[in-house]
Amino acid sequence: GLKINADPYTGQDLFYRSDNVVFARKNIVAHSFSTVDMRVATHY
């Protein structure tokens, strides 16, 4: 039942803000995967 969902925060450009982008720029398909709900998280 594992499910990968669409990025709910597209306006924040998260793809370009984590380590995955370093390898994306080497033409490796590289994405970050997360569970944090940024609408309610208060611990960041």
PDB file of all heavy atoms in Angstrom:
ATOM      1  N   GLY A   1       0.780  -1.232   0.000  1.00  0.00           N
ATOM      2  CA  GLY A   1       0.000   0.000   0.000  1.00  0.00           C
ATOM      3  C   GLY A   1       0.810   1.279   0.000  1.00  0.00           C
ATOM      4  O   GLY A   1       0.251   2.375   0.176  1.00  0.00           O
ATOM      5  N   LEU A   2       2.132   1.188  -0.189  1.00  0.00           N
ATOM      6  CA  LEU A   2       2.957   2.399  -0.279  1.00  0.00           C
ATOM      7  C   LEU A   2       2.441   3.296  -1.402  1.00  0.00           C
ATOM      8  O   LEU A   2       2.136   2.824  -2.495  1.00  0.00           O
ATOM      9  CB  LEU A   2       4.408   2.021  -0.572  1.00  0.00           C
ATOM     10  CG  LEU A   2       5.383   3.179  -0.783  1.00  0.00           C
ATOM     11  CD1 LEU A   2       5.663   3.884   0.538  1.00  0.00           C
ATOM     12  CD2 LEU A   2       6.680   2.682  -1.409  1.00  0.00           C
ATOM     13  N   LYS A   3       2.350   4.603  -1.125  1.00  0.00           N
ATOM     14  CA  LYS A   3       1.871   5.538  -2.143  1.00  0.00           C
ATOM     15  C   LYS A   3       2.756   6.778  -2.183  1.00  0.00           C
ATOM     16  O   LYS A   3       3.033   7.394  -1.151  1.00  0.00           O
ATOM     17  CB  LYS A   3       0.432   5.963  -1.849  1.00  0.00           C
ATOM     18  CG  LYS A   3      -0.167   6.948  -2.839  1.00  0.00           C
ATOM     19  CD  LYS A   3      -0.348   6.354  -4.227  1.00  0.00           C
ATOM     20  CE  LYS A   3      -0.887   7.378  -5.217  1.00  0.00           C
ATOM     21  NZ  LYS A   3      -2.254   7.860  -4.849  1.00  0.00           N
ATOM     22  N   ILE A   4       3.232   7.112  -3.381  1.00  0.00           N
ATOM     23  CA  ILE A   4       3.971   8.352  -3.609  1.00  0.00           C
ATOM     24  C   ILE A   4       2.990   9.375  -4.174  1.00  0.00           C
ATOM     25  O   ILE A   4       2.389   9.155  -5.225  1.00  0.00           O
ATOM     26  CB  ILE A   4       5.141   8.159  -4.584  1.00  0.00           C
ATOM     27  CG1 ILE A   4       6.020   6.977  -4.157  1.00  0.00           C
ATOM     28  CG2 ILE A   4       5.960   9.447  -4.690  1.00  0.00           C
ATOM     29  CD1 ILE A   4       6.654   7.105  -2.806  1.00  0.00           C
ATOM     30  N   ASN A   5       2.826  10.483  -3.482  1.00  0.00           N
ATOM     31  CA  ASN A   5       1.869  11.506  -3.870  1.00  0.00           C
ATOM     32  C   ASN A   5       2.569  12.703  -4.503  1.00  0.00           C
ATOM     33  O   ASN A   5       3.783  12.882  -4.381  1.00  0.00           O
ATOM     34  CB  ASN A   5       1.081  11.973  -2.638  1.00  0.00           C
ATOM     35  CG  ASN A   5       0.209  10.871  -2.077  1.00  0.00           C
ATOM     36  OD1 ASN A   5      -0.906  10.668  -2.522  1.00  0.00           O
ATOM     37  ND2 ASN A   5       0.733  10.151  -1.089  1.00  0.00           N
ATOM     38  N   ALA A   6       1.775  13.523  -5.158  1.00  0.00           N
ATOM     39  CA  ALA A   6       2.292  14.737  -5.776  1.00  0.00           C
ATOM     40  C   ALA A   6       2.746  15.731  -4.713  1.00  0.00           C
ATOM     41  O   ALA A   6       2.248  15.739  -3.580  1.00  0.00           O
ATOM     42  CB  ALA A   6       1.218  15.367  -6.654  1.00  0.00           C
ATOM     43  N   ASP A   7       3.684  16.567  -5.064  1.00  0.00           N
ATOM     44  CA  ASP A   7       4.186  17.621  -4.188  1.00  0.00           C
ATOM     45  C   ASP A   7       3.052  18.614  -3.900  1.00  0.00           C
ATOM     46  O   ASP A   7       2.568  19.282  -4.811  1.00  0.00           O
ATOM     47  CB  ASP A   7       5.355  18.320  -4.893  1.00  0.00           C
ATOM     48  CG  ASP A   7       6.000  19.405  -4.064  1.00  0.00           C
ATOM     49  OD1 ASP A   7       5.493  19.717  -2.969  1.00  0.00           O
ATOM     50  OD2 ASP A   7       7.012  19.961  -4.522  1.00  0.00           O
ATOM     51  N   PRO A   8       2.628  18.734  -2.634  1.00  0.00           N
ATOM     52  CA  PRO A   8       1.536  19.670  -2.334  1.00  0.00           C
ATOM     53  C   PRO A   8       2.004  21.108  -2.148  1.00  0.00           C
ATOM     54  O   PRO A   8       1.192  21.995  -1.899  1.00  0.00           O
ATOM     55  CB  PRO A   8       0.962  19.109  -1.029  1.00  0.00           C
ATOM     56  CG  PRO A   8       2.122  18.458  -0.358  1.00  0.00           C
ATOM     57  CD  PRO A   8       3.024  17.943  -1.460  1.00  0.00           C
ATOM     58  N   TYR A   9       3.314  21.331  -2.274  1.00  0.00           N
ATOM     59  CA  TYR A   9       3.870  22.657  -2.007  1.00  0.00           C
ATOM     60  C   TYR A   9       4.653  23.172  -3.216  1.00  0.00           C
ATOM     61  O   TYR A   9       5.788  23.645  -3.089  1.00  0.00           O
ATOM     62  CB  TYR A   9       4.767  22.612  -0.771  1.00  0.00           C
ATOM     63  CG  TYR A   9       4.128  21.906   0.397  1.00  0.00           C
ATOM     64  CD1 TYR A   9       4.585  20.657   0.807  1.00  0.00           C
ATOM     65  CD2 TYR A   9       3.043  22.474   1.074  1.00  0.00           C
ATOM     66  CE1 TYR A   9       3.984  19.996   1.871  1.00  0.00           C
ATOM     67  CE2 TYR A   9       2.434  21.810   2.131  1.00  0.00           C
ATOM     68  CZ  TYR A   9       2.908  20.575   2.525  1.00  0.00           C
ATOM     69  OH  TYR A   9       2.310  19.919   3.559  1.00  0.00           O
ATOM     70  N   THR A  10       4.067  23.060  -4.386  1.00  0.00           N
ATOM     71  CA  THR A  10       4.790  23.394  -5.619  1.00  0.00           C
ATOM     72  C   THR A  10       5.271  24.836  -5.639  1.00  0.00           C
ATOM     73  O   THR A  10       6.283  25.149  -6.265  1.00  0.00           O
ATOM     74  CB  THR A  10       3.909  23.125  -6.844  1.00  0.00           C
ATOM     75  OG1 THR A  10       2.652  23.808  -6.684  1.00  0.00           O
ATOM     76  CG2 THR A  10       3.633  21.631  -7.004  1.00  0.00           C
ATOM     77  N   GLY A  11       4.575  25.728  -4.956  1.00  0.00           N
ATOM     78  CA  GLY A  11       4.982  27.134  -4.945  1.00  0.00           C
ATOM     79  C   GLY A  11       6.260  27.383  -4.177  1.00  0.00           C
ATOM     80  O   GLY A  11       6.843  28.475  -4.295  1.00  0.00           O
ATOM     81  N   GLN A  12       6.740  26.410  -3.404  1.00  0.00           N
ATOM     82  CA  GLN A  12       7.938  26.597  -2.595  1.00  0.00           C
ATOM     83  C   GLN A  12       9.210  26.059  -3.253  1.00  0.00           C
ATOM     84  O   GLN A  12      10.290  26.145  -2.677  1.00  0.00           O
ATOM     85  CB  GLN A  12       7.740  25.951  -1.225  1.00  0.00           C
ATOM     86  CG  GLN A  12       6.584  26.566  -0.439  1.00  0.00           C
ATOM     87  CD  GLN A  12       6.575  26.152   1.014  1.00  0.00           C
ATOM     88  OE1 GLN A  12       7.625  25.979   1.644  1.00  0.00           O
ATOM     89  NE2 GLN A  12       5.396  25.986   1.585  1.00  0.00           N
ATOM     90  N   ASP A  13       9.076  25.485  -4.438  1.00  0.00           N
ATOM     91  CA  ASP A  13      10.245  24.997  -5.192  1.00  0.00           C
ATOM     92  C   ASP A  13      11.136  24.075  -4.368  1.00  0.00           C
ATOM     93  O   ASP A  13      12.373  24.168  -4.398  1.00  0.00           O
ATOM     94  CB  ASP A  13      11.074  26.170  -5.728  1.00  0.00           C
ATOM     95  CG  ASP A  13      10.413  26.870  -6.901  1.00  0.00           C
ATOM     96  OD1 ASP A  13       9.601  26.231  -7.605  1.00  0.00           O
ATOM     97  OD2 ASP A  13      10.702  28.059  -7.114  1.00  0.00           O
ATOM     98  N   LEU A  14      10.535  23.152  -3.637  1.00  0.00           N
ATOM     99  CA  LEU A  14      11.300  22.271  -2.757  1.00  0.00           C
ATOM    100  C   LEU A  14      12.280  21.379  -3.521  1.00  0.00           C
ATOM    101  O   LEU A  14      13.321  20.996  -2.978  1.00  0.00           O
ATOM    102  CB  LEU A  14      10.349  21.403  -1.928  1.00  0.00           C
ATOM    103  CG  LEU A  14       9.425  22.155  -0.969  1.00  0.00           C
ATOM    104  CD1 LEU A  14       8.481  21.184  -0.268  1.00  0.00           C
ATOM    105  CD2 LEU A  14      10.227  22.959   0.049  1.00  0.00           C
ATOM    106  N   PHE A  15      11.955  21.072  -4.767  1.00  0.00           N
ATOM    107  CA  PHE A  15      12.848  20.250  -5.582  1.00  0.00           C
ATOM    108  C   PHE A  15      14.235  20.877  -5.680  1.00  0.00           C
ATOM    109  O   PHE A  15      15.248  20.163  -5.698  1.00  0.00           O
ATOM    110  CB  PHE A  15      12.258  20.087  -6.987  1.00  0.00           C
ATOM    111  CG  PHE A  15      13.127  19.326  -7.952  1.00  0.00           C
ATOM    112  CD1 PHE A  15      13.068  17.940  -8.016  1.00  0.00           C
ATOM    113  CD2 PHE A  15      14.004  19.986  -8.813  1.00  0.00           C
ATOM    114  CE1 PHE A  15      13.865  17.231  -8.909  1.00  0.00           C
ATOM    115  CE2 PHE A  15      14.806  19.286  -9.701  1.00  0.00           C
ATOM    116  CZ  PHE A  15      14.733  17.911  -9.748  1.00  0.00           C
ATOM    117  N   TYR A  16      14.281  22.199  -5.729  1.00  0.00           N
ATOM    118  CA  TYR A  16      15.547  22.912  -5.912  1.00  0.00           C
ATOM    119  C   TYR A  16      16.196  23.312  -4.591  1.00  0.00           C
ATOM    120  O   TYR A  16      17.238  23.981  -4.598  1.00  0.00           O
ATOM    121  CB  TYR A  16      15.310  24.171  -6.755  1.00  0.00           C
ATOM    122  CG  TYR A  16      14.758  23.873  -8.126  1.00  0.00           C
ATOM    123  CD1 TYR A  16      13.412  24.075  -8.413  1.00  0.00           C
ATOM    124  CD2 TYR A  16      15.578  23.364  -9.140  1.00  0.00           C
ATOM    125  CE1 TYR A  16      12.900  23.801  -9.679  1.00  0.00           C
ATOM    126  CE2 TYR A  16      15.070  23.078 -10.401  1.00  0.00           C
ATOM    127  CZ  TYR A  16      13.732  23.298 -10.664  1.00  0.00           C
ATOM    128  OH  TYR A  16      13.220  23.013 -11.916  1.00  0.00           O
ATOM    129  N   ARG A  17      15.627  22.899  -3.465  1.00  0.00           N
ATOM    130  CA  ARG A  17      16.107  23.367  -2.166  1.00  0.00           C
ATOM    131  C   ARG A  17      16.674  22.259  -1.288  1.00  0.00           C
ATOM    132  O   ARG A  17      16.934  22.481  -0.105  1.00  0.00           O
ATOM    133  CB  ARG A  17      14.968  24.076  -1.418  1.00  0.00           C
ATOM    134  CG  ARG A  17      14.551  25.393  -2.063  1.00  0.00           C
ATOM    135  CD  ARG A  17      13.257  25.933  -1.470  1.00  0.00           C
ATOM    136  NE  ARG A  17      13.314  26.026  -0.011  1.00  0.00           N
ATOM    137  CZ  ARG A  17      12.233  26.275   0.737  1.00  0.00           C
ATOM    138  NH1 ARG A  17      11.049  26.415   0.168  1.00  0.00           N
ATOM    139  NH2 ARG A  17      12.362  26.354   2.047  1.00  0.00           N
ATOM    140  N   SER A  18      16.876  21.068  -1.840  1.00  0.00           N
ATOM    141  CA  SER A  18      17.472  19.988  -1.056  1.00  0.00           C
ATOM    142  C   SER A  18      18.548  19.292  -1.872  1.00  0.00           C
ATOM    143  O   SER A  18      18.741  19.592  -3.061  1.00  0.00           O
ATOM    144  CB  SER A  18      16.393  18.993  -0.610  1.00  0.00           C
ATOM    145  OG  SER A  18      16.917  18.105   0.361  1.00  0.00           O
ATOM    146  N   ASP A  19      19.254  18.368  -1.247  1.00  0.00           N
ATOM    147  CA  ASP A  19      20.438  17.746  -1.839  1.00  0.00           C
ATOM    148  C   ASP A  19      20.156  17.051  -3.168  1.00  0.00           C
ATOM    149  O   ASP A  19      21.083  16.863  -3.966  1.00  0.00           O
ATOM    150  CB  ASP A  19      21.035  16.735  -0.863  1.00  0.00           C
ATOM    151  CG  ASP A  19      21.653  17.392   0.365  1.00  0.00           C
ATOM    152  OD1 ASP A  19      22.534  18.251   0.187  1.00  0.00           O
ATOM    153  OD2 ASP A  19      21.273  17.037   1.486  1.00  0.00           O
ATOM    154  N   ASN A  20      18.924  16.656  -3.417  1.00  0.00           N
ATOM    155  CA  ASN A  20      18.624  15.974  -4.679  1.00  0.00           C
ATOM    156  C   ASN A  20      19.016  16.796  -5.891  1.00  0.00           C
ATOM    157  O   ASN A  20      19.442  16.250  -6.921  1.00  0.00           O
ATOM    158  CB  ASN A  20      17.132  15.622  -4.763  1.00  0.00           C
ATOM    159  CG  ASN A  20      16.240  16.847  -4.786  1.00  0.00           C
ATOM    160  OD1 ASN A  20      16.015  17.461  -3.729  1.00  0.00           O
ATOM    161  ND2 ASN A  20      15.738  17.225  -5.953  1.00  0.00           N
ATOM    162  N   VAL A  21      18.894  18.133  -5.787  1.00  0.00           N
ATOM    163  CA  VAL A  21      19.126  18.978  -6.962  1.00  0.00           C
ATOM    164  C   VAL A  21      20.586  18.922  -7.419  1.00  0.00           C
ATOM    165  O   VAL A  21      20.888  19.094  -8.606  1.00  0.00           O
ATOM    166  CB  VAL A  21      18.677  20.427  -6.696  1.00  0.00           C
ATOM    167  CG1 VAL A  21      19.649  21.158  -5.778  1.00  0.00           C
ATOM    168  CG2 VAL A  21      18.497  21.181  -8.009  1.00  0.00           C
ATOM    169  N   VAL A  22      21.504  18.663  -6.484  1.00  0.00           N
ATOM    170  CA  VAL A  22      22.923  18.541  -6.848  1.00  0.00           C
ATOM    171  C   VAL A  22      23.102  17.418  -7.871  1.00  0.00           C
ATOM    172  O   VAL A  22      23.862  17.550  -8.844  1.00  0.00           O
ATOM    173  CB  VAL A  22      23.773  18.275  -5.588  1.00  0.00           C
ATOM    174  CG1 VAL A  22      25.222  17.988  -5.963  1.00  0.00           C
ATOM    175  CG2 VAL A  22      23.676  19.456  -4.630  1.00  0.00           C
ATOM    176  N   PHE A  23      22.383  16.320  -7.664  1.00  0.00           N
ATOM    177  CA  PHE A  23      22.510  15.167  -8.555  1.00  0.00           C
ATOM    178  C   PHE A  23      21.613  15.299  -9.777  1.00  0.00           C
ATOM    179  O   PHE A  23      21.948  14.774 -10.847  1.00  0.00           O
ATOM    180  CB  PHE A  23      22.226  13.894  -7.760  1.00  0.00           C
ATOM    181  CG  PHE A  23      23.224  13.710  -6.666  1.00  0.00           C
ATOM    182  CD1 PHE A  23      22.999  14.246  -5.402  1.00  0.00           C
ATOM    183  CD2 PHE A  23      24.419  13.054  -6.903  1.00  0.00           C
ATOM    184  CE1 PHE A  23      23.941  14.126  -4.398  1.00  0.00           C
ATOM    185  CE2 PHE A  23      25.372  12.925  -5.909  1.00  0.00           C
ATOM    186  CZ  PHE A  23      25.134  13.462  -4.653  1.00  0.00           C
ATOM    187  N   ALA A  24      20.519  16.015  -9.637  1.00  0.00           N
ATOM    188  CA  ALA A  24      19.691  16.315 -10.808  1.00  0.00           C
ATOM    189  C   ALA A  24      20.518  17.071 -11.842  1.00  0.00           C
ATOM    190  O   ALA A  24      20.387  16.833 -13.051  1.00  0.00           O
ATOM    191  CB  ALA A  24      18.472  17.134 -10.397  1.00  0.00           C
ATOM    192  N   ARG A  25      21.391  17.947 -11.365  1.00  0.00           N
ATOM    193  CA  ARG A  25      22.231  18.728 -12.278  1.00  0.00           C
ATOM    194  C   ARG A  25      23.362  17.899 -12.879  1.00  0.00           C
ATOM    195  O   ARG A  25      24.088  18.383 -13.752  1.00  0.00           O
ATOM    196  CB  ARG A  25      22.744  19.965 -11.563  1.00  0.00           C
ATOM    197  CG  ARG A  25      21.608  20.973 -11.319  1.00  0.00           C
ATOM    198  CD  ARG A  25      21.987  22.185 -10.534  1.00  0.00           C
ATOM    199  NE  ARG A  25      20.860  23.104 -10.469  1.00  0.00           N
ATOM    200  CZ  ARG A  25      20.567  23.872  -9.429  1.00  0.00           C
ATOM    201  NH1 ARG A  25      21.341  23.830  -8.340  1.00  0.00           N
ATOM    202  NH2 ARG A  25      19.522  24.677  -9.450  1.00  0.00           N
ATOM    203  N   LYS A  26      23.485  16.653 -12.428  1.00  0.00           N
ATOM    204  CA  LYS A  26      24.386  15.691 -13.068  1.00  0.00           C
ATOM    205  C   LYS A  26      23.577  14.767 -13.994  1.00  0.00           C
ATOM    206  O   LYS A  26      24.054  13.716 -14.407  1.00  0.00           O
ATOM    207  CB  LYS A  26      25.119  14.863 -12.019  1.00  0.00           C
ATOM    208  CG  LYS A  26      26.067  15.670 -11.156  1.00  0.00           C
ATOM    209  CD  LYS A  26      26.707  14.821 -10.054  1.00  0.00           C
ATOM    210  CE  LYS A  26      27.754  13.895 -10.622  1.00  0.00           C
ATOM    211  NZ  LYS A  26      28.958  14.576 -11.121  1.00  0.00           N
ATOM    212  N   ASN A  27      22.346  15.174 -14.282  1.00  0.00           N
ATOM    213  CA  ASN A  27      21.435  14.416 -15.161  1.00  0.00           C
ATOM    214  C   ASN A  27      21.045  13.058 -14.579  1.00  0.00           C
ATOM    215  O   ASN A  27      20.774  12.107 -15.319  1.00  0.00           O
ATOM    216  CB  ASN A  27      22.030  14.258 -16.567  1.00  0.00           C
ATOM    217  CG  ASN A  27      22.135  15.593 -17.290  1.00  0.00           C
ATOM    218  OD1 ASN A  27      21.170  16.350 -17.334  1.00  0.00           O
ATOM    219  ND2 ASN A  27      23.305  15.883 -17.841  1.00  0.00           N
ATOM    220  N   ILE A  28      21.018  12.987 -13.255  1.00  0.00           N
ATOM    221  CA  ILE A  28      20.463  11.829 -12.564  1.00  0.00           C
ATOM    222  C   ILE A  28      19.040  12.185 -12.145  1.00  0.00           C
ATOM    223  O   ILE A  28      18.798  13.281 -11.621  1.00  0.00           O
ATOM    224  CB  ILE A  28      21.310  11.484 -11.319  1.00  0.00           C
ATOM    225  CG1 ILE A  28      22.724  11.059 -11.727  1.00  0.00           C
ATOM    226  CG2 ILE A  28      20.641  10.402 -10.489  1.00  0.00           C
ATOM    227  CD1 ILE A  28      23.690  10.926 -10.555  1.00  0.00           C
ATOM    228  N   VAL A  29      18.104  11.299 -12.389  1.00  0.00           N
ATOM    229  CA  VAL A  29      16.739  11.538 -11.907  1.00  0.00           C
ATOM    230  C   VAL A  29      16.769  11.447 -10.386  1.00  0.00           C
ATOM    231  O   VAL A  29      16.951  10.368  -9.821  1.00  0.00           O
ATOM    232  CB  VAL A  29      15.745  10.530 -12.507  1.00  0.00           C
ATOM    233  CG1 VAL A  29      14.348  10.740 -11.914  1.00  0.00           C
ATOM    234  CG2 VAL A  29      15.697  10.685 -14.028  1.00  0.00           C
ATOM    235  N   ALA A  30      16.641  12.590  -9.733  1.00  0.00           N
ATOM    236  CA  ALA A  30      16.840  12.676  -8.284  1.00  0.00           C
ATOM    237  C   ALA A  30      15.761  13.566  -7.679  1.00  0.00           C
ATOM    238  O   ALA A  30      15.621  14.734  -8.057  1.00  0.00           O
ATOM    239  CB  ALA A  30      18.230  13.245  -7.974  1.00  0.00           C
ATOM    240  N   HIS A  31      14.997  13.012  -6.753  1.00  0.00           N
ATOM    241  CA  HIS A  31      13.925  13.743  -6.086  1.00  0.00           C
ATOM    242  C   HIS A  31      14.026  13.533  -4.581  1.00  0.00           C
ATOM    243  O   HIS A  31      14.602  12.541  -4.126  1.00  0.00           O
ATOM    244  CB  HIS A  31      12.560  13.238  -6.555  1.00  0.00           C
ATOM    245  CG  HIS A  31      12.249  13.523  -7.987  1.00  0.00           C
ATOM    246  ND1 HIS A  31      11.461  14.577  -8.387  1.00  0.00           N
ATOM    247  CD2 HIS A  31      12.609  12.870  -9.121  1.00  0.00           C
ATOM    248  CE1 HIS A  31      11.340  14.562  -9.716  1.00  0.00           C
ATOM    249  NE2 HIS A  31      12.043  13.538 -10.185  1.00  0.00           N
ATOM    250  N   SER A  32      13.439  14.454  -3.828  1.00  0.00           N
ATOM    251  CA  SER A  32      13.321  14.273  -2.389  1.00  0.00           C
ATOM    252  C   SER A  32      11.930  13.751  -2.048  1.00  0.00           C
ATOM    253  O   SER A  32      10.946  14.080  -2.712  1.00  0.00           O
ATOM    254  CB  SER A  32      13.583  15.586  -1.655  1.00  0.00           C
ATOM    255  OG  SER A  32      14.947  15.943  -1.741  1.00  0.00           O
ATOM    256  N   PHE A  33      11.878  12.949  -0.983  1.00  0.00           N
ATOM    257  CA  PHE A  33      10.638  12.335  -0.519  1.00  0.00           C
ATOM    258  C   PHE A  33      10.439  12.705   0.944  1.00  0.00           C
ATOM    259  O   PHE A  33      11.372  12.619   1.746  1.00  0.00           O
ATOM    260  CB  PHE A  33      10.709  10.815  -0.675  1.00  0.00           C
ATOM    261  CG  PHE A  33      10.829  10.367  -2.104  1.00  0.00           C
ATOM    262  CD1 PHE A  33      12.063  10.379  -2.743  1.00  0.00           C
ATOM    263  CD2 PHE A  33       9.722   9.973  -2.829  1.00  0.00           C
ATOM    264  CE1 PHE A  33      12.185   9.991  -4.071  1.00  0.00           C
ATOM    265  CE2 PHE A  33       9.827   9.582  -4.146  1.00  0.00           C
ATOM    266  CZ  PHE A  33      11.062   9.589  -4.774  1.00  0.00           C
ATOM    267  N   SER A  34       9.219  13.104   1.298  1.00  0.00           N
ATOM    268  CA  SER A  34       8.964  13.613   2.635  1.00  0.00           C
ATOM    269  C   SER A  34       7.551  13.255   3.094  1.00  0.00           C
ATOM    270  O   SER A  34       6.695  12.884   2.281  1.00  0.00           O
ATOM    271  CB  SER A  34       9.142  15.135   2.651  1.00  0.00           C
ATOM    272  OG  SER A  34       8.987  15.660   3.957  1.00  0.00           O
ATOM    273  N   THR A  35       7.328  13.398   4.399  1.00  0.00           N
ATOM    274  CA  THR A  35       5.985  13.277   4.951  1.00  0.00           C
ATOM    275  C   THR A  35       5.542  14.539   5.674  1.00  0.00           C
ATOM    276  O   THR A  35       4.380  14.653   6.049  1.00  0.00           O
ATOM    277  CB  THR A  35       5.887  12.106   5.959  1.00  0.00           C
ATOM    278  OG1 THR A  35       6.723  12.384   7.088  1.00  0.00           O
ATOM    279  CG2 THR A  35       6.302  10.785   5.321  1.00  0.00           C
ATOM    280  N   VAL A  36       6.434  15.490   5.898  1.00  0.00           N
ATOM    281  CA  VAL A  36       6.104  16.621   6.764  1.00  0.00           C
ATOM    282  C   VAL A  36       4.976  17.459   6.158  1.00  0.00           C
ATOM    283  O   VAL A  36       5.005  17.814   4.985  1.00  0.00           O
ATOM    284  CB  VAL A  36       7.350  17.487   7.043  1.00  0.00           C
ATOM    285  CG1 VAL A  36       7.885  18.162   5.784  1.00  0.00           C
ATOM    286  CG2 VAL A  36       7.054  18.516   8.128  1.00  0.00           C
ATOM    287  N   ASP A  37       3.973  17.745   6.974  1.00  0.00           N
ATOM    288  CA  ASP A  37       2.857  18.593   6.562  1.00  0.00           C
ATOM    289  C   ASP A  37       3.214  20.026   6.938  1.00  0.00           C
ATOM    290  O   ASP A  37       3.089  20.440   8.095  1.00  0.00           O
ATOM    291  CB  ASP A  37       1.574  18.143   7.257  1.00  0.00           C
ATOM    292  CG  ASP A  37       0.338  18.876   6.742  1.00  0.00           C
ATOM    293  OD1 ASP A  37       0.491  19.958   6.142  1.00  0.00           O
ATOM    294  OD2 ASP A  37      -0.777  18.369   6.944  1.00  0.00           O
ATOM    295  N   MET A  38       3.661  20.771   5.966  1.00  0.00           N
ATOM    296  CA  MET A  38       4.189  22.106   6.236  1.00  0.00           C
ATOM    297  C   MET A  38       3.114  23.113   6.629  1.00  0.00           C
ATOM    298  O   MET A  38       3.425  24.210   7.084  1.00  0.00           O
ATOM    299  CB  MET A  38       4.981  22.591   5.022  1.00  0.00           C
ATOM    300  CG  MET A  38       6.208  21.735   4.746  1.00  0.00           C
ATOM    301  SD  MET A  38       7.101  22.185   3.249  1.00  0.00           S
ATOM    302  CE  MET A  38       7.739  23.781   3.706  1.00  0.00           C
ATOM    303  N   ARG A  39       1.842  22.733   6.488  1.00  0.00           N
ATOM    304  CA  ARG A  39       0.756  23.627   6.904  1.00  0.00           C
ATOM    305  C   ARG A  39       0.606  23.663   8.422  1.00  0.00           C
ATOM    306  O   ARG A  39       0.126  24.667   8.976  1.00  0.00           O
ATOM    307  CB  ARG A  39      -0.573  23.157   6.296  1.00  0.00           C
ATOM    308  CG  ARG A  39      -0.577  23.054   4.772  1.00  0.00           C
ATOM    309  CD  ARG A  39      -1.831  22.323   4.309  1.00  0.00           C
ATOM    310  NE  ARG A  39      -1.930  21.008   4.942  1.00  0.00           N
ATOM    311  CZ  ARG A  39      -3.015  20.228   4.883  1.00  0.00           C
ATOM    312  NH1 ARG A  39      -4.089  20.646   4.215  1.00  0.00           N
ATOM    313  NH2 ARG A  39      -3.031  19.049   5.483  1.00  0.00           N
ATOM    314  N   VAL A  40       0.999  22.577   9.091  1.00  0.00           N
ATOM    315  CA  VAL A  40       0.756  22.478  10.532  1.00  0.00           C
ATOM    316  C   VAL A  40       2.020  22.188  11.339  1.00  0.00           C
ATOM    317  O   VAL A  40       1.983  22.277  12.576  1.00  0.00           O
ATOM    318  CB  VAL A  40      -0.303  21.387  10.826  1.00  0.00           C
ATOM    319  CG1 VAL A  40      -1.628  21.731  10.162  1.00  0.00           C
ATOM    320  CG2 VAL A  40       0.168  20.013  10.355  1.00  0.00           C
ATOM    321  N   ALA A  41       3.115  21.840  10.705  1.00  0.00           N
ATOM    322  CA  ALA A  41       4.340  21.490  11.438  1.00  0.00           C
ATOM    323  C   ALA A  41       4.885  22.707  12.178  1.00  0.00           C
ATOM    324  O   ALA A  41       5.040  23.782  11.593  1.00  0.00           O
ATOM    325  CB  ALA A  41       5.384  20.946  10.475  1.00  0.00           C
ATOM    326  N   THR A  42       5.170  22.533  13.446  1.00  0.00           N
ATOM    327  CA  THR A  42       5.702  23.627  14.260  1.00  0.00           C
ATOM    328  C   THR A  42       7.098  23.317  14.788  1.00  0.00           C
ATOM    329  O   THR A  42       7.638  24.085  15.581  1.00  0.00           O
ATOM    330  CB  THR A  42       4.772  23.919  15.460  1.00  0.00           C
ATOM    331  OG1 THR A  42       4.663  22.731  16.262  1.00  0.00           O
ATOM    332  CG2 THR A  42       3.392  24.352  14.985  1.00  0.00           C
ATOM    333  N   HIS A  43       7.681  22.192  14.338  1.00  0.00           N
ATOM    334  CA  HIS A  43       8.963  21.772  14.913  1.00  0.00           C
ATOM    335  C   HIS A  43      10.152  22.046  14.002  1.00  0.00           C
ATOM    336  O   HIS A  43      11.296  21.804  14.411  1.00  0.00           O
ATOM    337  CB  HIS A  43       8.918  20.280  15.255  1.00  0.00           C
ATOM    338  CG  HIS A  43       8.611  19.394  14.075  1.00  0.00           C
ATOM    339  ND1 HIS A  43       7.330  19.152  13.630  1.00  0.00           N
ATOM    340  CD2 HIS A  43       9.431  18.691  13.244  1.00  0.00           C
ATOM    341  CE1 HIS A  43       7.365  18.328  12.585  1.00  0.00           C
ATOM    342  NE2 HIS A  43       8.638  18.042  12.333  1.00  0.00           N
ATOM    343  N   TYR A  44       9.946  22.545  12.800  1.00  0.00           N
ATOM    344  CA  TYR A  44      11.058  22.740  11.858  1.00  0.00           C
ATOM    345  C   TYR A  44      12.063  23.754  12.428  1.00  0.00           C
ATOM    346  O   TYR A  44      11.727  24.900  12.714  1.00  0.00           O
ATOM    347  CB  TYR A  44      10.516  23.216  10.512  1.00  0.00           C
ATOM    348  CG  TYR A  44      11.600  23.546   9.501  1.00  0.00           C
ATOM    349  CD1 TYR A  44      12.415  22.551   8.981  1.00  0.00           C
ATOM    350  CD2 TYR A  44      11.804  24.851   9.087  1.00  0.00           C
ATOM    351  CE1 TYR A  44      13.404  22.849   8.053  1.00  0.00           C
ATOM    352  CE2 TYR A  44      12.787  25.159   8.161  1.00  0.00           C
ATOM    353  CZ  TYR A  44      13.590  24.157   7.652  1.00  0.00           C
ATOM    354  OH  TYR A  44      14.572  24.451   6.750  1.00  0.00           O
TER     355      TYR A  44
END
